[in-house]
Amino acid sequence: MVAFFRVAFFFAAFFLVAFFRVAFFFAAFFLVAFFRVAFFFVAFFLVAFFFATRLVAFFFDAARFFVAFFFAAILSSSARVDVG
């Protein structure tokens, strides 16, 4: 009877260890794969957001410059006095 339980516990422990090794391997594999994809998309969208905001800021600066330039050109041309 003792030999039976020793063999039974050995096989139970063997299969439990094997099961948990496989389970933890797949859990770690899918967690790593999930976080790699998640961090890639987070980094991708952060970089895309950064470049989009820089591009929008560039166009706003360019528009502000041209508005100020043409406004100054209009004002200076209308304030000019022709003495000739």
N, C-alpha and C. Protein backbone atom coordinates (compact mmCIF):
# COMPACT_ATOMS: atom_id res chain seq x y z
N MET A 1 0.83 -1.20 0.00
CA MET A 1 0.00 0.00 0.00
C MET A 1 0.87 1.26 0.00
N VAL A 2 1.94 1.25 0.78
CA VAL A 2 2.83 2.40 0.83
C VAL A 2 3.52 2.57 -0.52
N ALA A 3 3.90 1.46 -1.13
CA ALA A 3 4.55 1.54 -2.44
C ALA A 3 3.59 2.12 -3.48
N PHE A 4 2.33 1.74 -3.39
CA PHE A 4 1.34 2.28 -4.33
C PHE A 4 1.23 3.79 -4.19
N PHE A 5 1.15 4.29 -2.96
CA PHE A 5 1.03 5.73 -2.76
C PHE A 5 2.31 6.46 -3.15
N ARG A 6 3.47 5.81 -2.92
CA ARG A 6 4.72 6.44 -3.35
C ARG A 6 4.75 6.60 -4.86
N VAL A 7 4.34 5.57 -5.57
CA VAL A 7 4.30 5.64 -7.03
C VAL A 7 3.23 6.64 -7.48
N ALA A 8 2.08 6.61 -6.83
CA ALA A 8 1.00 7.53 -7.21
C ALA A 8 1.41 8.98 -6.98
N PHE A 9 2.01 9.26 -5.83
CA PHE A 9 2.44 10.64 -5.56
C PHE A 9 3.58 11.06 -6.50
N PHE A 10 4.45 10.11 -6.84
CA PHE A 10 5.52 10.44 -7.77
C PHE A 10 4.94 10.85 -9.12
N PHE A 11 4.01 10.05 -9.64
CA PHE A 11 3.42 10.38 -10.93
C PHE A 11 2.57 11.64 -10.86
N ALA A 12 1.87 11.82 -9.74
CA ALA A 12 1.08 13.05 -9.59
C ALA A 12 1.99 14.27 -9.57
N ALA A 13 3.07 14.18 -8.82
CA ALA A 13 4.01 15.31 -8.77
C ALA A 13 4.67 15.51 -10.12
N PHE A 14 5.03 14.42 -10.79
CA PHE A 14 5.67 14.54 -12.10
C PHE A 14 4.75 15.23 -13.10
N PHE A 15 3.49 14.79 -13.16
CA PHE A 15 2.57 15.39 -14.13
C PHE A 15 2.15 16.80 -13.73
N LEU A 16 2.06 17.06 -12.43
CA LEU A 16 1.76 18.43 -12.00
C LEU A 16 2.90 19.38 -12.36
N VAL A 17 4.13 18.95 -12.12
CA VAL A 17 5.27 19.79 -12.47
C VAL A 17 5.34 19.99 -13.97
N ALA A 18 5.13 18.92 -14.73
CA ALA A 18 5.16 19.05 -16.19
C ALA A 18 4.04 19.97 -16.67
N PHE A 19 2.86 19.81 -16.09
CA PHE A 19 1.73 20.66 -16.50
C PHE A 19 2.02 22.13 -16.20
N PHE A 20 2.51 22.41 -14.99
CA PHE A 20 2.76 23.81 -14.64
C PHE A 20 3.94 24.39 -15.40
N ARG A 21 4.93 23.56 -15.74
CA ARG A 21 6.02 24.07 -16.58
C ARG A 21 5.49 24.50 -17.94
N VAL A 22 4.66 23.66 -18.53
CA VAL A 22 4.08 24.01 -19.84
C VAL A 22 3.14 25.21 -19.70
N ALA A 23 2.33 25.21 -18.64
CA ALA A 23 1.38 26.31 -18.46
C ALA A 23 2.11 27.63 -18.24
N PHE A 24 3.13 27.62 -17.41
CA PHE A 24 3.87 28.87 -17.16
C PHE A 24 4.66 29.30 -18.40
N PHE A 25 5.15 28.33 -19.17
CA PHE A 25 5.85 28.70 -20.40
C PHE A 25 4.90 29.41 -21.36
N PHE A 26 3.71 28.84 -21.56
CA PHE A 26 2.77 29.48 -22.48
C PHE A 26 2.25 30.79 -21.93
N ALA A 27 2.04 30.86 -20.62
CA ALA A 27 1.60 32.12 -20.03
C ALA A 27 2.67 33.19 -20.21
N ALA A 28 3.91 32.84 -19.93
CA ALA A 28 4.99 33.81 -20.11
C ALA A 28 5.16 34.17 -21.58
N PHE A 29 5.05 33.18 -22.46
CA PHE A 29 5.21 33.45 -23.89
C PHE A 29 4.14 34.42 -24.38
N PHE A 30 2.88 34.16 -24.03
CA PHE A 30 1.81 35.03 -24.51
C PHE A 30 1.82 36.38 -23.81
N LEU A 31 2.23 36.42 -22.55
CA LEU A 31 2.35 37.72 -21.88
C LEU A 31 3.45 38.55 -22.51
N VAL A 32 4.58 37.94 -22.80
CA VAL A 32 5.67 38.67 -23.44
C VAL A 32 5.25 39.13 -24.83
N ALA A 33 4.59 38.25 -25.58
CA ALA A 33 4.14 38.64 -26.92
C ALA A 33 3.12 39.77 -26.83
N PHE A 34 2.20 39.67 -25.88
CA PHE A 34 1.19 40.72 -25.73
C PHE A 34 1.82 42.05 -25.38
N PHE A 35 2.75 42.04 -24.42
CA PHE A 35 3.35 43.31 -24.01
C PHE A 35 4.29 43.86 -25.07
N ARG A 36 4.92 42.99 -25.86
CA ARG A 36 5.74 43.50 -26.96
C ARG A 36 4.87 44.23 -27.97
N VAL A 37 3.74 43.64 -28.31
CA VAL A 37 2.82 44.30 -29.25
C VAL A 37 2.25 45.57 -28.63
N ALA A 38 1.87 45.48 -27.36
CA ALA A 38 1.28 46.66 -26.70
C ALA A 38 2.28 47.80 -26.61
N PHE A 39 3.51 47.50 -26.21
CA PHE A 39 4.51 48.56 -26.11
C PHE A 39 4.89 49.11 -27.48
N PHE A 40 4.87 48.24 -28.51
CA PHE A 40 5.14 48.73 -29.86
C PHE A 40 4.08 49.74 -30.28
N PHE A 41 2.80 49.40 -30.04
CA PHE A 41 1.75 50.33 -30.45
C PHE A 41 1.77 51.60 -29.62
N VAL A 42 2.07 51.48 -28.33
CA VAL A 42 2.17 52.69 -27.50
C VAL A 42 3.30 53.57 -28.00
N ALA A 43 4.45 52.98 -28.25
CA ALA A 43 5.58 53.77 -28.75
C ALA A 43 5.28 54.35 -30.13
N PHE A 44 4.66 53.54 -30.99
CA PHE A 44 4.33 54.02 -32.33
C PHE A 44 3.38 55.21 -32.28
N PHE A 45 2.33 55.11 -31.46
CA PHE A 45 1.37 56.21 -31.40
C PHE A 45 1.94 57.42 -30.68
N LEU A 46 2.83 57.21 -29.71
CA LEU A 46 3.49 58.36 -29.08
C LEU A 46 4.38 59.10 -30.07
N VAL A 47 5.14 58.35 -30.85
CA VAL A 47 6.00 58.99 -31.86
C VAL A 47 5.15 59.66 -32.93
N ALA A 48 4.09 58.98 -33.37
CA ALA A 48 3.21 59.58 -34.38
C ALA A 48 2.54 60.83 -33.83
N PHE A 49 2.11 60.79 -32.57
CA PHE A 49 1.49 61.96 -31.96
C PHE A 49 2.49 63.10 -31.85
N PHE A 50 3.74 62.78 -31.48
CA PHE A 50 4.77 63.81 -31.37
C PHE A 50 5.01 64.48 -32.72
N PHE A 51 5.17 63.67 -33.78
CA PHE A 51 5.42 64.25 -35.10
C PHE A 51 4.20 65.00 -35.61
N ALA A 52 3.01 64.51 -35.31
CA ALA A 52 1.80 65.23 -35.74
C ALA A 52 1.70 66.58 -35.05
N THR A 53 1.99 66.63 -33.77
CA THR A 53 1.93 67.92 -33.07
C THR A 53 3.02 68.85 -33.57
N ARG A 54 4.21 68.31 -33.88
CA ARG A 54 5.27 69.17 -34.43
C ARG A 54 4.88 69.69 -35.81
N LEU A 55 4.24 68.85 -36.61
CA LEU A 55 3.81 69.27 -37.94
C LEU A 55 2.73 70.33 -37.85
N VAL A 56 1.78 70.14 -36.95
CA VAL A 56 0.72 71.14 -36.77
C VAL A 56 1.32 72.44 -36.25
N ALA A 57 2.25 72.35 -35.32
CA ALA A 57 2.89 73.56 -34.81
C ALA A 57 3.66 74.27 -35.91
N PHE A 58 4.31 73.51 -36.78
CA PHE A 58 5.04 74.13 -37.89
C PHE A 58 4.08 74.89 -38.80
N PHE A 59 2.96 74.27 -39.14
CA PHE A 59 2.00 74.95 -40.03
C PHE A 59 1.37 76.15 -39.36
N PHE A 60 1.11 76.07 -38.06
CA PHE A 60 0.58 77.24 -37.35
C PHE A 60 1.61 78.36 -37.31
N ASP A 61 2.87 78.01 -37.09
CA ASP A 61 3.91 79.05 -37.10
C ASP A 61 4.06 79.67 -38.48
N ALA A 62 4.01 78.83 -39.51
CA ALA A 62 4.11 79.36 -40.88
C ALA A 62 2.91 80.26 -41.19
N ALA A 63 1.73 79.82 -40.81
CA ALA A 63 0.54 80.64 -41.07
C ALA A 63 0.61 81.95 -40.30
N ARG A 64 1.06 81.88 -39.06
CA ARG A 64 1.17 83.11 -38.27
C ARG A 64 2.20 84.07 -38.88
N PHE A 65 3.30 83.52 -39.37
CA PHE A 65 4.31 84.35 -40.02
C PHE A 65 3.75 85.02 -41.27
N PHE A 66 3.07 84.25 -42.11
CA PHE A 66 2.56 84.83 -43.36
C PHE A 66 1.45 85.84 -43.10
N VAL A 67 0.61 85.58 -42.11
CA VAL A 67 -0.43 86.56 -41.76
C VAL A 67 0.22 87.84 -41.27
N ALA A 68 1.21 87.72 -40.40
CA ALA A 68 1.90 88.92 -39.90
C ALA A 68 2.64 89.62 -41.02
N PHE A 69 3.27 88.86 -41.91
CA PHE A 69 4.02 89.46 -43.02
C PHE A 69 3.09 90.23 -43.95
N PHE A 70 2.00 89.60 -44.37
CA PHE A 70 1.09 90.28 -45.29
C PHE A 70 0.35 91.43 -44.61
N PHE A 71 0.03 91.27 -43.32
CA PHE A 71 -0.61 92.36 -42.59
C PHE A 71 0.33 93.56 -42.51
N ALA A 72 1.62 93.30 -42.23
CA ALA A 72 2.60 94.39 -42.18
C ALA A 72 2.80 94.99 -43.57
N ALA A 73 2.78 94.16 -44.61
CA ALA A 73 2.94 94.68 -45.97
C ALA A 73 1.75 95.55 -46.36
N ILE A 74 0.56 95.13 -45.98
CA ILE A 74 -0.63 95.94 -46.31
C ILE A 74 -0.59 97.25 -45.55
N LEU A 75 -0.25 97.19 -44.26
CA LEU A 75 -0.20 98.43 -43.48
C LEU A 75 0.89 99.36 -43.98
N SER A 76 2.04 98.82 -44.30
CA SER A 76 3.13 99.69 -44.74
C SER A 76 2.84 100.27 -46.12
N SER A 77 2.16 99.54 -46.97
CA SER A 77 1.86 100.08 -48.29
C SER A 77 0.77 101.14 -48.22
N SER A 78 -0.17 101.00 -47.30
CA SER A 78 -1.23 102.00 -47.20
C SER A 78 -0.77 103.24 -46.45
N ALA A 79 0.26 103.12 -45.63
CA ALA A 79 0.74 104.28 -44.87
C ALA A 79 1.82 105.04 -45.62
N ARG A 80 2.22 104.53 -46.76
CA ARG A 80 3.29 105.17 -47.52
C ARG A 80 2.76 106.47 -48.16
N VAL A 81 3.55 107.50 -48.06
CA VAL A 81 3.16 108.79 -48.64
C VAL A 81 4.03 109.05 -49.85
N ASP A 82 3.39 109.30 -50.95
CA ASP A 82 4.13 109.57 -52.19
C ASP A 82 4.35 111.06 -52.31
N VAL A 83 5.60 111.46 -52.20
CA VAL A 83 5.92 112.90 -52.28
C VAL A 83 6.43 113.29 -53.66
N GLY A 84 6.59 112.32 -54.52
CA GLY A 84 7.19 112.62 -55.82
C GLY A 84 6.17 113.13 -56.78
